[in-house]
Structures are given as C-alpha cells and as structure tokens.
Amino acid sequence: MAKNKKELASFHTTNNLIMIARQHFSAYGYENTSLEAIAADAKMTRGAVYHHFKNKKNLFKAVLAQVQHEVGLNVEKEAETSEDLWEQLILGCVGFVEAATLESNKRILLIEAPNVLEWLQWKKMDDENSVLLLEEQLLTVQQKGLLIDFDIHMIAHMISGALNDLSISLAESDTVNKTQIYEAIAYLLKGFRRDG
C-alpha cells in the first residue's frame, strides 16, 4: 500500500513539473528556460527535478508528448462533429492546425521541438502521434472507396508535412481564420479523393 502512495505522489509531482515546465517553455523558449526556475516554481530543489527527469531535454520531451497528446484529442474531437467520413478527415486536419497554433502550444510544438530534439527523434514523435492518427483515418476513408488507390503512408506524410508548414506559417500571424483553413485543407485533400 505504501508503494502505491509513493507511486501516486511521484505521478503527481511529475505532472506538476510538466505543467510548470510547459508554462516556462511556452513563455520563454527552451534556451531561456532554466531547471532552477522550474524547480523554484514547483517548490523543489534542482536535484529533486533530476530525480524525475534526467535533464532539461527529457523534461521538454515530456512536455512535447503532452502537447502532442492534446493536439491529437482535438483532432478527434473536431472529426467527431461530422458523420461524413470525408468531412471527418477535413475537420480533423483543421483541428490539428487549430490546436497546433494555440498560444500555449505553438512555440513548443512548431518552433522549439524541431530545434531542441534531433531531427530523427522529433520525426519519430511526430509519426507516432499526428501521422499515425492521420494514417488511421485515411485507411478508413480508403476502405470506403473515397480515397485514391495509393500508398497510405506516403499520402499521410504529404498531408502531415503540409499541415505542419501551414501551422508554422499561421503561428506567426495574429489571427487564425477557421473558414480559410477549412477551405485550404478541403482543396488540398480533394486531390486525394477518388472522385476528386
């Protein structure tokens, strides 16, 4: 029983550190964020932070994983607002761009992640999250005869690359027009539709 309480305390401490680190990385960027400042906000010593995370990079990866998870949830939430499979694909992509460009996410996901992590490490995390979700939806759409008969993996990477680049571009803007994003994505995806 004591072990469970200890594990639960560790879980809460880890989550608290991730939450605080996320605020710091989002506000100040990776380079200008110190473990000392995170530890101070968490009312912990730097050594206690190291007990949970090997270094600042590992803490950043945990923050990034949380952001990617939340973006994925938004993709699913947006997609579920329609019964139409093709519309779900479009809305899921719009949901990705919307969540990626949120003030609390964009610096971590779009600017810092590709620079802080090695390219292969960042790509692996991106593949395991957004690309995987996209592949699942594309496969469903293809099985229903709506998508061209082409390699799903390749299509997913093409769309994901476009969505990432669009998100980076929109992250620099003060306003994000959901209607425009929807229209742009609808036109992009139309090229992959069987009856395009």
N, C-alpha and C. Protein backbone atom coordinates (compact mmCIF):
# COMPACT_ATOMS: atom_id res chain seq x y z
N MET A 1 0.82 -1.20 0.00
CA MET A 1 0.00 0.00 0.00
C MET A 1 0.86 1.27 0.00
N ALA A 2 1.92 1.27 0.80
CA ALA A 2 2.81 2.43 0.87
C ALA A 2 3.44 2.70 -0.48
N LYS A 3 3.75 1.63 -1.21
CA LYS A 3 4.36 1.79 -2.51
C LYS A 3 3.41 2.50 -3.47
N ASN A 4 2.13 2.15 -3.39
CA ASN A 4 1.14 2.80 -4.24
C ASN A 4 1.02 4.29 -3.93
N LYS A 5 1.07 4.64 -2.66
CA LYS A 5 1.02 6.05 -2.26
C LYS A 5 2.25 6.78 -2.78
N LYS A 6 3.38 6.10 -2.71
CA LYS A 6 4.63 6.69 -3.19
C LYS A 6 4.58 6.90 -4.70
N GLU A 7 4.06 5.90 -5.41
CA GLU A 7 3.93 5.99 -6.87
C GLU A 7 2.97 7.11 -7.25
N LEU A 8 1.88 7.23 -6.51
CA LEU A 8 0.88 8.26 -6.77
C LEU A 8 1.49 9.65 -6.54
N ALA A 9 2.26 9.78 -5.47
CA ALA A 9 2.93 11.06 -5.18
C ALA A 9 3.91 11.41 -6.28
N SER A 10 4.65 10.41 -6.75
CA SER A 10 5.61 10.62 -7.83
C SER A 10 4.90 11.04 -9.12
N PHE A 11 3.75 10.41 -9.39
CA PHE A 11 2.95 10.74 -10.57
C PHE A 11 2.49 12.19 -10.52
N HIS A 12 1.99 12.62 -9.36
CA HIS A 12 1.52 14.00 -9.20
C HIS A 12 2.67 14.99 -9.32
N THR A 13 3.81 14.65 -8.74
CA THR A 13 4.98 15.52 -8.82
C THR A 13 5.44 15.66 -10.27
N THR A 14 5.48 14.55 -10.98
CA THR A 14 5.90 14.56 -12.39
C THR A 14 4.95 15.42 -13.21
N ASN A 15 3.64 15.23 -13.02
CA ASN A 15 2.66 16.02 -13.76
C ASN A 15 2.77 17.51 -13.45
N ASN A 16 3.03 17.83 -12.18
CA ASN A 16 3.19 19.22 -11.78
C ASN A 16 4.42 19.83 -12.45
N LEU A 17 5.51 19.08 -12.49
CA LEU A 17 6.72 19.56 -13.15
C LEU A 17 6.48 19.81 -14.64
N ILE A 18 5.76 18.90 -15.28
CA ILE A 18 5.45 19.05 -16.71
C ILE A 18 4.60 20.29 -16.94
N MET A 19 3.61 20.50 -16.08
CA MET A 19 2.74 21.67 -16.22
C MET A 19 3.54 22.97 -16.07
N ILE A 20 4.39 23.03 -15.07
CA ILE A 20 5.20 24.23 -14.83
C ILE A 20 6.22 24.42 -15.96
N ALA A 21 6.85 23.34 -16.36
CA ALA A 21 7.83 23.42 -17.45
C ALA A 21 7.16 23.88 -18.74
N ARG A 22 5.96 23.42 -18.97
CA ARG A 22 5.22 23.82 -20.17
C ARG A 22 5.01 25.33 -20.20
N GLN A 23 4.66 25.89 -19.05
CA GLN A 23 4.46 27.34 -18.98
C GLN A 23 5.76 28.07 -19.28
N HIS A 24 6.86 27.57 -18.75
CA HIS A 24 8.16 28.20 -18.97
C HIS A 24 8.61 28.07 -20.43
N PHE A 25 8.53 26.85 -20.99
CA PHE A 25 8.95 26.64 -22.37
C PHE A 25 8.11 27.46 -23.33
N SER A 26 6.82 27.57 -23.04
CA SER A 26 5.91 28.33 -23.90
C SER A 26 6.19 29.83 -23.82
N ALA A 27 6.47 30.31 -22.65
CA ALA A 27 6.69 31.75 -22.45
C ALA A 27 8.10 32.21 -22.83
N TYR A 28 9.11 31.40 -22.48
CA TYR A 28 10.50 31.85 -22.64
C TYR A 28 11.31 31.08 -23.68
N GLY A 29 10.79 29.96 -24.14
CA GLY A 29 11.56 29.13 -25.07
C GLY A 29 12.49 28.19 -24.32
N TYR A 30 13.00 27.22 -25.04
CA TYR A 30 13.84 26.20 -24.42
C TYR A 30 15.14 26.78 -23.87
N GLU A 31 15.84 27.56 -24.68
CA GLU A 31 17.14 28.09 -24.27
C GLU A 31 17.06 28.99 -23.05
N ASN A 32 15.98 29.78 -22.96
CA ASN A 32 15.85 30.74 -21.87
C ASN A 32 15.10 30.19 -20.65
N THR A 33 14.85 28.90 -20.66
CA THR A 33 14.21 28.26 -19.52
C THR A 33 15.27 27.51 -18.72
N SER A 34 15.28 27.71 -17.43
CA SER A 34 16.25 27.01 -16.57
C SER A 34 15.53 26.03 -15.66
N LEU A 35 16.21 24.93 -15.37
CA LEU A 35 15.65 23.96 -14.43
C LEU A 35 15.52 24.56 -13.03
N GLU A 36 16.40 25.51 -12.73
CA GLU A 36 16.34 26.18 -11.42
C GLU A 36 15.02 26.93 -11.27
N ALA A 37 14.60 27.64 -12.34
CA ALA A 37 13.35 28.40 -12.29
C ALA A 37 12.15 27.46 -12.19
N ILE A 38 12.20 26.36 -12.92
CA ILE A 38 11.12 25.36 -12.85
C ILE A 38 11.06 24.76 -11.46
N ALA A 39 12.22 24.41 -10.92
CA ALA A 39 12.29 23.84 -9.57
C ALA A 39 11.74 24.81 -8.54
N ALA A 40 12.09 26.08 -8.69
CA ALA A 40 11.62 27.10 -7.74
C ALA A 40 10.10 27.22 -7.78
N ASP A 41 9.54 27.24 -9.00
CA ASP A 41 8.08 27.34 -9.13
C ASP A 41 7.38 26.09 -8.58
N ALA A 42 8.07 24.95 -8.69
CA ALA A 42 7.50 23.69 -8.19
C ALA A 42 7.78 23.49 -6.70
N LYS A 43 8.52 24.45 -6.11
CA LYS A 43 8.92 24.40 -4.70
C LYS A 43 9.72 23.12 -4.42
N MET A 44 10.67 22.87 -5.33
CA MET A 44 11.54 21.70 -5.23
C MET A 44 12.98 22.14 -5.42
N THR A 45 13.90 21.25 -5.08
CA THR A 45 15.30 21.51 -5.37
C THR A 45 15.59 21.04 -6.80
N ARG A 46 16.66 21.52 -7.36
CA ARG A 46 17.04 21.09 -8.71
C ARG A 46 17.32 19.58 -8.71
N GLY A 47 17.91 19.10 -7.63
CA GLY A 47 18.20 17.67 -7.50
C GLY A 47 16.94 16.83 -7.52
N ALA A 48 15.87 17.35 -6.91
CA ALA A 48 14.59 16.63 -6.91
C ALA A 48 14.00 16.57 -8.33
N VAL A 49 14.24 17.63 -9.10
CA VAL A 49 13.78 17.63 -10.50
C VAL A 49 14.52 16.54 -11.27
N TYR A 50 15.84 16.45 -11.02
CA TYR A 50 16.66 15.42 -11.70
C TYR A 50 16.22 14.01 -11.32
N HIS A 51 15.60 13.87 -10.17
CA HIS A 51 15.09 12.56 -9.75
C HIS A 51 13.99 12.08 -10.71
N HIS A 52 13.24 13.04 -11.23
CA HIS A 52 12.12 12.71 -12.13
C HIS A 52 12.50 12.80 -13.61
N PHE A 53 13.42 13.71 -13.93
CA PHE A 53 13.85 13.89 -15.32
C PHE A 53 15.37 14.00 -15.37
N LYS A 54 15.95 13.23 -16.26
CA LYS A 54 17.41 13.15 -16.36
C LYS A 54 18.05 14.50 -16.65
N ASN A 55 17.38 15.30 -17.48
CA ASN A 55 17.89 16.62 -17.85
C ASN A 55 16.77 17.48 -18.42
N LYS A 56 17.10 18.69 -18.80
CA LYS A 56 16.10 19.62 -19.33
C LYS A 56 15.48 19.10 -20.63
N LYS A 57 16.28 18.45 -21.44
CA LYS A 57 15.80 17.92 -22.71
C LYS A 57 14.73 16.84 -22.48
N ASN A 58 14.95 15.98 -21.50
CA ASN A 58 13.97 14.94 -21.19
C ASN A 58 12.66 15.55 -20.66
N LEU A 59 12.80 16.60 -19.89
CA LEU A 59 11.61 17.30 -19.39
C LEU A 59 10.87 17.93 -20.57
N PHE A 60 11.61 18.51 -21.50
CA PHE A 60 10.99 19.10 -22.68
C PHE A 60 10.25 18.03 -23.49
N LYS A 61 10.87 16.86 -23.63
CA LYS A 61 10.22 15.76 -24.37
C LYS A 61 8.90 15.36 -23.72
N ALA A 62 8.87 15.36 -22.40
CA ALA A 62 7.63 15.02 -21.67
C ALA A 62 6.57 16.09 -21.92
N VAL A 63 6.98 17.34 -21.95
CA VAL A 63 6.06 18.45 -22.24
C VAL A 63 5.54 18.32 -23.67
N LEU A 64 6.44 18.06 -24.60
CA LEU A 64 6.06 17.90 -26.01
C LEU A 64 5.07 16.74 -26.18
N ALA A 65 5.32 15.64 -25.50
CA ALA A 65 4.42 14.48 -25.58
C ALA A 65 3.02 14.87 -25.09
N GLN A 66 2.95 15.67 -24.04
CA GLN A 66 1.65 16.12 -23.53
C GLN A 66 0.95 17.01 -24.55
N VAL A 67 1.70 17.93 -25.14
CA VAL A 67 1.13 18.82 -26.16
C VAL A 67 0.62 18.01 -27.35
N GLN A 68 1.43 17.05 -27.82
CA GLN A 68 1.02 16.22 -28.95
C GLN A 68 -0.23 15.40 -28.62
N HIS A 69 -0.31 14.92 -27.40
CA HIS A 69 -1.49 14.17 -26.98
C HIS A 69 -2.74 15.05 -27.03
N GLU A 70 -2.62 16.26 -26.52
CA GLU A 70 -3.75 17.20 -26.51
C GLU A 70 -4.16 17.59 -27.93
N VAL A 71 -3.19 17.78 -28.80
CA VAL A 71 -3.48 18.10 -30.20
C VAL A 71 -4.25 16.93 -30.82
N GLY A 72 -3.81 15.72 -30.53
CA GLY A 72 -4.49 14.52 -31.03
C GLY A 72 -5.93 14.44 -30.55
N LEU A 73 -6.16 14.79 -29.29
CA LEU A 73 -7.52 14.79 -28.74
C LEU A 73 -8.39 15.81 -29.47
N ASN A 74 -7.79 16.96 -29.81
CA ASN A 74 -8.55 17.98 -30.53
C ASN A 74 -8.89 17.53 -31.95
N VAL A 75 -7.95 16.82 -32.57
CA VAL A 75 -8.20 16.26 -33.91
C VAL A 75 -9.42 15.35 -33.86
N GLU A 76 -9.43 14.45 -32.89
CA GLU A 76 -10.55 13.50 -32.75
C GLU A 76 -11.85 14.22 -32.42
N LYS A 77 -11.78 15.21 -31.54
CA LYS A 77 -12.98 15.96 -31.14
C LYS A 77 -13.60 16.68 -32.34
N GLU A 78 -12.75 17.32 -33.13
CA GLU A 78 -13.26 18.04 -34.31
C GLU A 78 -13.82 17.07 -35.34
N ALA A 79 -13.12 15.97 -35.57
CA ALA A 79 -13.57 14.99 -36.56
C ALA A 79 -14.94 14.40 -36.19
N GLU A 80 -15.15 14.22 -34.90
CA GLU A 80 -16.40 13.61 -34.43
C GLU A 80 -17.62 14.50 -34.56
N THR A 81 -17.41 15.76 -34.99
CA THR A 81 -18.56 16.66 -35.15
C THR A 81 -19.32 16.39 -36.45
N SER A 82 -18.80 15.47 -37.26
CA SER A 82 -19.49 15.11 -38.51
C SER A 82 -19.66 13.60 -38.60
N GLU A 83 -20.72 13.18 -39.29
CA GLU A 83 -20.96 11.76 -39.54
C GLU A 83 -20.31 11.32 -40.85
N ASP A 84 -20.01 12.30 -41.72
CA ASP A 84 -19.45 12.03 -43.04
C ASP A 84 -17.94 11.76 -42.93
N LEU A 85 -17.48 10.63 -43.46
CA LEU A 85 -16.07 10.23 -43.33
C LEU A 85 -15.10 11.23 -43.95
N TRP A 86 -15.43 11.73 -45.13
CA TRP A 86 -14.52 12.68 -45.78
C TRP A 86 -14.47 14.00 -45.00
N GLU A 87 -15.63 14.41 -44.53
CA GLU A 87 -15.72 15.63 -43.72
C GLU A 87 -14.94 15.45 -42.42
N GLN A 88 -14.98 14.26 -41.85
CA GLN A 88 -14.20 13.98 -40.64
C GLN A 88 -12.71 14.17 -40.90
N LEU A 89 -12.25 13.74 -42.06
CA LEU A 89 -10.84 13.88 -42.43
C LEU A 89 -10.47 15.36 -42.49
N ILE A 90 -11.30 16.14 -43.16
CA ILE A 90 -11.05 17.59 -43.28
C ILE A 90 -11.06 18.24 -41.90
N LEU A 91 -12.11 17.97 -41.13
CA LEU A 91 -12.26 18.59 -39.81
C LEU A 91 -11.14 18.19 -38.85
N GLY A 92 -10.68 16.94 -38.94
CA GLY A 92 -9.55 16.50 -38.12
C GLY A 92 -8.29 17.28 -38.44
N CYS A 93 -8.07 17.53 -39.73
CA CYS A 93 -6.90 18.31 -40.16
C CYS A 93 -7.02 19.76 -39.67
N VAL A 94 -8.22 20.31 -39.76
CA VAL A 94 -8.46 21.67 -39.25
C VAL A 94 -8.21 21.69 -37.74
N GLY A 95 -8.67 20.66 -37.05
CA GLY A 95 -8.46 20.55 -35.61
C GLY A 95 -6.98 20.52 -35.25
N PHE A 96 -6.18 19.85 -36.09
CA PHE A 96 -4.73 19.82 -35.85
C PHE A 96 -4.15 21.23 -35.92
N VAL A 97 -4.48 21.94 -37.01
CA VAL A 97 -3.93 23.29 -37.21
C VAL A 97 -4.37 24.22 -36.08
N GLU A 98 -5.64 24.14 -35.71
CA GLU A 98 -6.14 24.99 -34.62
C GLU A 98 -5.40 24.74 -33.32
N ALA A 99 -5.26 23.47 -32.96
CA ALA A 99 -4.59 23.13 -31.69
C ALA A 99 -3.10 23.44 -31.74
N ALA A 100 -2.47 23.19 -32.89
CA ALA A 100 -1.03 23.44 -33.02
C ALA A 100 -0.70 24.92 -32.91
N THR A 101 -1.63 25.78 -33.33
CA THR A 101 -1.36 27.22 -33.33
C THR A 101 -1.86 27.94 -32.08
N LEU A 102 -2.40 27.18 -31.13
CA LEU A 102 -2.78 27.81 -29.85
C LEU A 102 -1.55 28.43 -29.19
N GLU A 103 -1.76 29.52 -28.52
CA GLU A 103 -0.65 30.24 -27.88
C GLU A 103 0.15 29.32 -26.95
N SER A 104 -0.55 28.44 -26.23
CA SER A 104 0.12 27.56 -25.27
C SER A 104 0.87 26.40 -25.93
N ASN A 105 0.64 26.18 -27.23
CA ASN A 105 1.24 25.03 -27.92
C ASN A 105 2.26 25.39 -28.99
N LYS A 106 2.02 26.50 -29.70
CA LYS A 106 2.76 26.74 -30.93
C LYS A 106 4.28 26.84 -30.75
N ARG A 107 4.73 27.50 -29.72
CA ARG A 107 6.18 27.64 -29.54
C ARG A 107 6.83 26.28 -29.27
N ILE A 108 6.17 25.49 -28.42
CA ILE A 108 6.71 24.17 -28.05
C ILE A 108 6.68 23.22 -29.24
N LEU A 109 5.53 23.12 -29.88
CA LEU A 109 5.30 22.14 -30.94
C LEU A 109 5.96 22.51 -32.25
N LEU A 110 5.84 23.76 -32.66
CA LEU A 110 6.24 24.16 -34.01
C LEU A 110 7.63 24.79 -34.10
N ILE A 111 8.05 25.45 -33.05
CA ILE A 111 9.33 26.16 -33.12
C ILE A 111 10.43 25.43 -32.36
N GLU A 112 10.16 25.13 -31.09
CA GLU A 112 11.21 24.54 -30.26
C GLU A 112 11.48 23.06 -30.57
N ALA A 113 10.42 22.27 -30.70
CA ALA A 113 10.60 20.81 -30.86
C ALA A 113 11.55 20.41 -31.99
N PRO A 114 11.37 20.95 -33.20
CA PRO A 114 12.29 20.54 -34.28
C PRO A 114 13.73 21.00 -34.04
N ASN A 115 13.91 22.04 -33.21
CA ASN A 115 15.25 22.56 -32.94
C ASN A 115 15.91 21.92 -31.72
N VAL A 116 15.11 21.62 -30.72
CA VAL A 116 15.66 21.06 -29.47
C VAL A 116 16.02 19.59 -29.64
N LEU A 117 15.11 18.85 -30.28
CA LEU A 117 15.35 17.42 -30.47
C LEU A 117 16.12 17.17 -31.76
N GLU A 118 16.83 16.09 -31.79
CA GLU A 118 17.47 15.70 -33.06
C GLU A 118 16.36 15.41 -34.04
N TRP A 119 16.61 15.66 -35.33
CA TRP A 119 15.60 15.51 -36.37
C TRP A 119 14.89 14.15 -36.30
N LEU A 120 15.65 13.08 -36.21
CA LEU A 120 15.05 11.74 -36.21
C LEU A 120 14.18 11.51 -34.99
N GLN A 121 14.59 12.05 -33.86
CA GLN A 121 13.82 11.92 -32.62
C GLN A 121 12.50 12.68 -32.73
N TRP A 122 12.58 13.91 -33.27
CA TRP A 122 11.37 14.72 -33.45
C TRP A 122 10.43 14.05 -34.45
N LYS A 123 10.99 13.56 -35.55
CA LYS A 123 10.17 12.93 -36.59
C LYS A 123 9.48 11.68 -36.04
N LYS A 124 10.19 10.92 -35.22
CA LYS A 124 9.61 9.71 -34.62
C LYS A 124 8.42 10.08 -33.74
N MET A 125 8.56 11.11 -32.92
CA MET A 125 7.46 11.55 -32.06
C MET A 125 6.28 12.06 -32.89
N ASP A 126 6.58 12.78 -33.96
CA ASP A 126 5.53 13.29 -34.84
C ASP A 126 4.80 12.13 -35.53
N ASP A 127 5.58 11.15 -35.99
CA ASP A 127 5.00 9.98 -36.66
C ASP A 127 4.10 9.18 -35.73
N GLU A 128 4.52 9.04 -34.47
CA GLU A 128 3.77 8.25 -33.50
C GLU A 128 2.50 8.95 -33.03
N ASN A 129 2.39 10.22 -33.34
CA ASN A 129 1.21 10.97 -32.90
C ASN A 129 0.37 11.41 -34.09
N SER A 130 0.68 12.55 -34.67
CA SER A 130 -0.19 13.09 -35.72
C SER A 130 -0.23 12.24 -36.98
N VAL A 131 0.90 11.72 -37.43
CA VAL A 131 0.91 10.93 -38.67
C VAL A 131 0.13 9.63 -38.48
N LEU A 132 0.28 9.00 -37.34
CA LEU A 132 -0.43 7.75 -37.05
C LEU A 132 -1.95 7.96 -37.06
N LEU A 133 -2.40 9.03 -36.41
CA LEU A 133 -3.83 9.37 -36.41
C LEU A 133 -4.34 9.58 -37.83
N LEU A 134 -3.54 10.30 -38.61
CA LEU A 134 -3.91 10.61 -39.99
C LEU A 134 -3.98 9.33 -40.83
N GLU A 135 -2.99 8.45 -40.65
CA GLU A 135 -2.99 7.19 -41.39
C GLU A 135 -4.23 6.35 -41.08
N GLU A 136 -4.63 6.32 -39.82
CA GLU A 136 -5.81 5.55 -39.42
C GLU A 136 -7.06 6.07 -40.12
N GLN A 137 -7.21 7.40 -40.14
CA GLN A 137 -8.39 7.98 -40.80
C GLN A 137 -8.34 7.77 -42.31
N LEU A 138 -7.16 7.93 -42.90
CA LEU A 138 -7.01 7.73 -44.35
C LEU A 138 -7.32 6.30 -44.75
N LEU A 139 -6.89 5.35 -43.93
CA LEU A 139 -7.16 3.94 -44.21
C LEU A 139 -8.66 3.66 -44.19
N THR A 140 -9.35 4.23 -43.21
CA THR A 140 -10.81 4.07 -43.13
C THR A 140 -11.48 4.66 -44.37
N VAL A 141 -11.04 5.84 -44.75
CA VAL A 141 -11.60 6.53 -45.92
C VAL A 141 -11.31 5.73 -47.19
N GLN A 142 -10.10 5.18 -47.27
CA GLN A 142 -9.72 4.39 -48.45
C GLN A 142 -10.54 3.10 -48.54
N GLN A 143 -10.76 2.46 -47.39
CA GLN A 143 -11.54 1.22 -47.36
C GLN A 143 -12.99 1.45 -47.78
N LYS A 144 -13.49 2.67 -47.59
CA LYS A 144 -14.85 3.02 -48.01
C LYS A 144 -14.90 3.48 -49.47
N GLY A 145 -13.75 3.43 -50.15
CA GLY A 145 -13.70 3.77 -51.57
C GLY A 145 -13.67 5.26 -51.88
N LEU A 146 -13.39 6.09 -50.88
CA LEU A 146 -13.39 7.54 -51.10
C LEU A 146 -12.01 8.09 -51.46
N LEU A 147 -10.97 7.35 -51.13
CA LEU A 147 -9.60 7.81 -51.33
C LEU A 147 -8.98 7.09 -52.53
N ILE A 148 -8.08 7.79 -53.22
CA ILE A 148 -7.40 7.16 -54.36
C ILE A 148 -6.64 5.93 -53.90
N ASP A 149 -6.41 5.02 -54.81
CA ASP A 149 -5.68 3.79 -54.50
C ASP A 149 -4.19 4.09 -54.56
N PHE A 150 -3.65 4.51 -53.43
CA PHE A 150 -2.26 4.93 -53.36
C PHE A 150 -1.74 4.60 -51.97
N ASP A 151 -0.45 4.60 -51.80
CA ASP A 151 0.19 4.26 -50.53
C ASP A 151 -0.24 5.23 -49.41
N ILE A 152 -0.92 4.70 -48.40
CA ILE A 152 -1.43 5.50 -47.28
C ILE A 152 -0.31 6.22 -46.54
N HIS A 153 0.77 5.52 -46.33
CA HIS A 153 1.91 6.09 -45.60
C HIS A 153 2.43 7.34 -46.31
N MET A 154 2.54 7.26 -47.62
CA MET A 154 3.04 8.38 -48.40
C MET A 154 2.05 9.55 -48.37
N ILE A 155 0.77 9.24 -48.54
CA ILE A 155 -0.24 10.30 -48.50
C ILE A 155 -0.25 10.99 -47.13
N ALA A 156 -0.18 10.19 -46.08
CA ALA A 156 -0.20 10.74 -44.71
C ALA A 156 0.97 11.69 -44.49
N HIS A 157 2.14 11.32 -44.97
CA HIS A 157 3.32 12.18 -44.79
C HIS A 157 3.21 13.46 -45.61
N MET A 158 2.62 13.36 -46.80
CA MET A 158 2.43 14.56 -47.61
C MET A 158 1.47 15.53 -46.93
N ILE A 159 0.37 15.02 -46.42
CA ILE A 159 -0.62 15.87 -45.76
C ILE A 159 -0.06 16.42 -44.45
N SER A 160 0.60 15.57 -43.69
CA SER A 160 1.18 16.00 -42.41
C SER A 160 2.20 17.11 -42.61
N GLY A 161 3.03 16.96 -43.63
CA GLY A 161 4.03 18.00 -43.93
C GLY A 161 3.36 19.32 -44.26
N ALA A 162 2.30 19.25 -45.05
CA ALA A 162 1.57 20.47 -45.41
C ALA A 162 0.92 21.11 -44.18
N LEU A 163 0.33 20.28 -43.32
CA LEU A 163 -0.32 20.81 -42.11
C LEU A 163 0.69 21.43 -41.15
N ASN A 164 1.85 20.78 -41.01
CA ASN A 164 2.90 21.33 -40.14
C ASN A 164 3.36 22.69 -40.67
N ASP A 165 3.59 22.76 -41.98
CA ASP A 165 4.08 24.01 -42.57
C ASP A 165 3.02 25.11 -42.49
N LEU A 166 1.76 24.74 -42.75
CA LEU A 166 0.67 25.71 -42.63
C LEU A 166 0.59 26.22 -41.18
N SER A 167 0.71 25.33 -40.24
CA SER A 167 0.65 25.71 -38.81
C SER A 167 1.78 26.66 -38.45
N ILE A 168 2.98 26.39 -38.94
CA ILE A 168 4.13 27.27 -38.67
C ILE A 168 3.86 28.65 -39.24
N SER A 169 3.34 28.70 -40.46
CA SER A 169 3.03 29.97 -41.10
C SER A 169 1.96 30.74 -40.31
N LEU A 170 0.90 30.04 -39.91
CA LEU A 170 -0.19 30.68 -39.17
C LEU A 170 0.22 31.06 -37.74
N ALA A 171 1.18 30.35 -37.18
CA ALA A 171 1.63 30.64 -35.81
C ALA A 171 2.25 32.03 -35.72
N GLU A 172 2.76 32.53 -36.85
CA GLU A 172 3.38 33.86 -36.87
C GLU A 172 2.34 34.95 -37.06
N SER A 173 1.10 34.56 -37.35
CA SER A 173 0.02 35.51 -37.58
C SER A 173 -0.74 35.77 -36.30
N ASP A 174 -1.37 36.92 -36.22
CA ASP A 174 -2.15 37.26 -35.02
C ASP A 174 -3.54 36.65 -35.05
N THR A 175 -4.04 36.38 -36.25
CA THR A 175 -5.39 35.82 -36.36
C THR A 175 -5.37 34.53 -37.16
N VAL A 176 -6.19 33.61 -36.75
CA VAL A 176 -6.34 32.34 -37.46
C VAL A 176 -7.80 32.24 -37.89
N ASN A 177 -8.03 32.27 -39.20
CA ASN A 177 -9.38 32.24 -39.76
C ASN A 177 -9.76 30.79 -40.04
N LYS A 178 -10.66 30.25 -39.23
CA LYS A 178 -11.04 28.83 -39.33
C LYS A 178 -11.67 28.51 -40.69
N THR A 179 -12.45 29.42 -41.22
CA THR A 179 -13.09 29.19 -42.53
C THR A 179 -12.04 29.06 -43.63
N GLN A 180 -11.07 29.95 -43.61
CA GLN A 180 -9.99 29.90 -44.61
C GLN A 180 -9.18 28.61 -44.47
N ILE A 181 -8.89 28.22 -43.25
CA ILE A 181 -8.13 26.99 -43.01
C ILE A 181 -8.93 25.80 -43.55
N TYR A 182 -10.21 25.77 -43.24
CA TYR A 182 -11.07 24.68 -43.71
C TYR A 182 -11.04 24.61 -45.24
N GLU A 183 -11.21 25.74 -45.91
CA GLU A 183 -11.24 25.77 -47.37
C GLU A 183 -9.91 25.31 -47.97
N ALA A 184 -8.81 25.79 -47.40
CA ALA A 184 -7.48 25.42 -47.90
C ALA A 184 -7.25 23.91 -47.76
N ILE A 185 -7.61 23.37 -46.62
CA ILE A 185 -7.42 21.93 -46.38
C ILE A 185 -8.35 21.11 -47.27
N ALA A 186 -9.59 21.58 -47.44
CA ALA A 186 -10.53 20.87 -48.32
C ALA A 186 -9.99 20.79 -49.74
N TYR A 187 -9.41 21.89 -50.23
CA TYR A 187 -8.82 21.89 -51.58
C TYR A 187 -7.62 20.95 -51.65
N LEU A 188 -6.80 20.97 -50.61
CA LEU A 188 -5.62 20.09 -50.58
C LEU A 188 -6.03 18.62 -50.63
N LEU A 189 -6.98 18.25 -49.80
CA LEU A 189 -7.40 16.85 -49.71
C LEU A 189 -8.17 16.38 -50.94
N LYS A 190 -8.79 17.32 -51.64
CA LYS A 190 -9.58 16.98 -52.84
C LYS A 190 -8.72 16.22 -53.85
N GLY A 191 -7.45 16.53 -53.91
CA GLY A 191 -6.54 15.85 -54.83
C GLY A 191 -6.33 14.39 -54.52
N PHE A 192 -6.66 13.98 -53.30
CA PHE A 192 -6.51 12.58 -52.89
C PHE A 192 -7.84 11.84 -52.94
N ARG A 193 -8.90 12.54 -53.26
CA ARG A 193 -10.22 11.91 -53.29
C ARG A 193 -10.41 11.17 -54.62
N ARG A 194 -10.99 9.99 -54.54
CA ARG A 194 -11.17 9.16 -55.73
C ARG A 194 -11.98 9.88 -56.80
N ASP A 195 -13.04 10.57 -56.38
CA ASP A 195 -13.87 11.27 -57.36
C ASP A 195 -13.50 12.75 -57.45
N GLY A 196 -12.29 13.06 -56.95
CA GLY A 196 -11.73 14.40 -56.87
C GLY A 196 -12.25 15.37 -57.84
